[in-house]
Amino acid sequence: MSGPKYSLLTLRMVKYEFSLPEMASRAQTTEAIVYHALIKRPIPRTDAKRILDAFSEMTGETYTLENVDLPIYDD
């Protein structure tokens, strides 16, 4: 993808307004992990992929680590 990457927070505001409990449930992770993703604190790669997969399903668009600015670390 060319151009700037958008943060999860920006996508949440523009594409789909989800709650932390909703995303945590859909992504099978914790609300704390979702919160960290929103404020751009590093999260485990596995959780990042789960969140982006869930967000993709919610919006019908494809979001990956290649097109979303989401700080991660290997778990």
C-alpha atoms as a PDB file:
ATOM      1  CA  MET A   1       0.000   0.000   0.000  1.00  0.00           C
ATOM      2  CA  SER A   2       1.369   3.387  -0.882  1.00  0.00           C
ATOM      3  CA  GLY A   3       0.778   6.510   1.129  1.00  0.00           C
ATOM      4  CA  PRO A   4       0.497   7.038   4.847  1.00  0.00           C
ATOM      5  CA  LYS A   5      -0.667   4.332   7.195  1.00  0.00           C
ATOM      6  CA  TYR A   6      -3.618   5.162   9.408  1.00  0.00           C
ATOM      7  CA  SER A   7      -3.711   4.413  13.109  1.00  0.00           C
ATOM      8  CA  LEU A   8      -6.352   2.138  14.575  1.00  0.00           C
ATOM      9  CA  LEU A   9      -7.760   5.143  16.436  1.00  0.00           C
ATOM     10  CA  THR A  10      -8.209   7.084  13.190  1.00  0.00           C
ATOM     11  CA  LEU A  11      -9.829   4.088  11.507  1.00  0.00           C
ATOM     12  CA  ARG A  12     -12.119   3.674  14.493  1.00  0.00           C
ATOM     13  CA  MET A  13     -13.231   7.299  14.213  1.00  0.00           C
ATOM     14  CA  VAL A  14     -13.647   7.262  10.414  1.00  0.00           C
ATOM     15  CA  LYS A  15     -14.646   3.704   9.439  1.00  0.00           C
ATOM     16  CA  TYR A  16     -16.324   1.932  12.348  1.00  0.00           C
ATOM     17  CA  GLU A  17     -16.899   3.136  15.909  1.00  0.00           C
ATOM     18  CA  PHE A  18     -16.358   0.039  18.063  1.00  0.00           C
ATOM     19  CA  SER A  19     -16.280  -0.220  21.838  1.00  0.00           C
ATOM     20  CA  LEU A  20     -13.323  -1.750  23.650  1.00  0.00           C
ATOM     21  CA  PRO A  21     -15.387  -4.688  24.970  1.00  0.00           C
ATOM     22  CA  GLU A  22     -16.830  -5.337  21.481  1.00  0.00           C
ATOM     23  CA  MET A  23     -13.405  -5.395  19.826  1.00  0.00           C
ATOM     24  CA  ALA A  24     -11.815  -7.416  22.618  1.00  0.00           C
ATOM     25  CA  SER A  25     -14.556 -10.016  22.298  1.00  0.00           C
ATOM     26  CA  ARG A  26     -14.390 -10.187  18.502  1.00  0.00           C
ATOM     27  CA  ALA A  27     -10.581 -10.317  18.507  1.00  0.00           C
ATOM     28  CA  GLN A  28     -10.414 -12.778  21.423  1.00  0.00           C
ATOM     29  CA  THR A  29      -8.076 -10.556  23.401  1.00  0.00           C
ATOM     30  CA  THR A  30      -8.332  -8.211  26.373  1.00  0.00           C
ATOM     31  CA  GLU A  31      -9.706  -4.693  26.561  1.00  0.00           C
ATOM     32  CA  ALA A  32      -6.267  -3.557  27.772  1.00  0.00           C
ATOM     33  CA  ILE A  33      -4.636  -4.848  24.575  1.00  0.00           C
ATOM     34  CA  VAL A  34      -7.241  -3.057  22.436  1.00  0.00           C
ATOM     35  CA  TYR A  35      -6.697   0.132  24.442  1.00  0.00           C
ATOM     36  CA  HIS A  36      -2.922  -0.115  23.953  1.00  0.00           C
ATOM     37  CA  ALA A  37      -3.459  -0.581  20.213  1.00  0.00           C
ATOM     38  CA  LEU A  38      -5.611   2.545  20.102  1.00  0.00           C
ATOM     39  CA  ILE A  39      -3.017   4.703  21.880  1.00  0.00           C
ATOM     40  CA  LYS A  40      -0.182   3.226  19.795  1.00  0.00           C
ATOM     41  CA  ARG A  41       1.594   1.341  22.560  1.00  0.00           C
ATOM     42  CA  PRO A  42       3.250  -1.867  21.335  1.00  0.00           C
ATOM     43  CA  ILE A  43       1.168  -5.032  21.547  1.00  0.00           C
ATOM     44  CA  PRO A  44       1.981  -8.663  20.715  1.00  0.00           C
ATOM     45  CA  ARG A  45       1.959  -9.465  16.987  1.00  0.00           C
ATOM     46  CA  THR A  46      -0.659 -12.197  17.487  1.00  0.00           C
ATOM     47  CA  ASP A  47      -3.079  -9.784  19.169  1.00  0.00           C
ATOM     48  CA  ALA A  48      -2.447  -7.139  16.506  1.00  0.00           C
ATOM     49  CA  LYS A  49      -3.372  -9.611  13.785  1.00  0.00           C
ATOM     50  CA  ARG A  50      -6.501 -10.670  15.686  1.00  0.00           C
ATOM     51  CA  ILE A  51      -7.597  -7.051  16.098  1.00  0.00           C
ATOM     52  CA  LEU A  52      -6.999  -6.254  12.437  1.00  0.00           C
ATOM     53  CA  ASP A  53      -8.791  -9.423  11.325  1.00  0.00           C
ATOM     54  CA  ALA A  54     -11.779  -8.516  13.493  1.00  0.00           C
ATOM     55  CA  PHE A  55     -11.790  -4.916  12.241  1.00  0.00           C
ATOM     56  CA  SER A  56     -11.596  -6.162   8.656  1.00  0.00           C
ATOM     57  CA  GLU A  57     -14.600  -8.391   9.298  1.00  0.00           C
ATOM     58  CA  MET A  58     -16.542  -5.505  10.865  1.00  0.00           C
ATOM     59  CA  THR A  59     -15.896  -3.135   7.964  1.00  0.00           C
ATOM     60  CA  GLY A  60     -15.746  -5.510   5.004  1.00  0.00           C
ATOM     61  CA  GLU A  61     -12.345  -4.031   4.098  1.00  0.00           C
ATOM     62  CA  THR A  62      -8.872  -5.516   4.486  1.00  0.00           C
ATOM     63  CA  TYR A  63      -6.619  -4.192   7.231  1.00  0.00           C
ATOM     64  CA  THR A  64      -3.186  -5.665   7.895  1.00  0.00           C
ATOM     65  CA  LEU A  65       0.076  -4.712   9.569  1.00  0.00           C
ATOM     66  CA  GLU A  66       1.174  -3.462   6.148  1.00  0.00           C
ATOM     67  CA  ASN A  67      -1.551  -0.805   5.903  1.00  0.00           C
ATOM     68  CA  VAL A  68      -2.241   0.116   9.546  1.00  0.00           C
ATOM     69  CA  ASP A  69       0.235   1.883  11.834  1.00  0.00           C
ATOM     70  CA  LEU A  70       0.134  -0.483  14.792  1.00  0.00           C
ATOM     71  CA  PRO A  71       3.272  -0.851  16.971  1.00  0.00           C
ATOM     72  CA  ILE A  72       3.954  -4.518  17.686  1.00  0.00           C
ATOM     73  CA  TYR A  73       6.474  -6.821  19.240  1.00  0.00           C
ATOM     74  CA  ASP A  74       7.008 -10.522  18.616  1.00  0.00           C
ATOM     75  CA  ASP A  75       5.354 -12.708  21.209  1.00  0.00           C
END
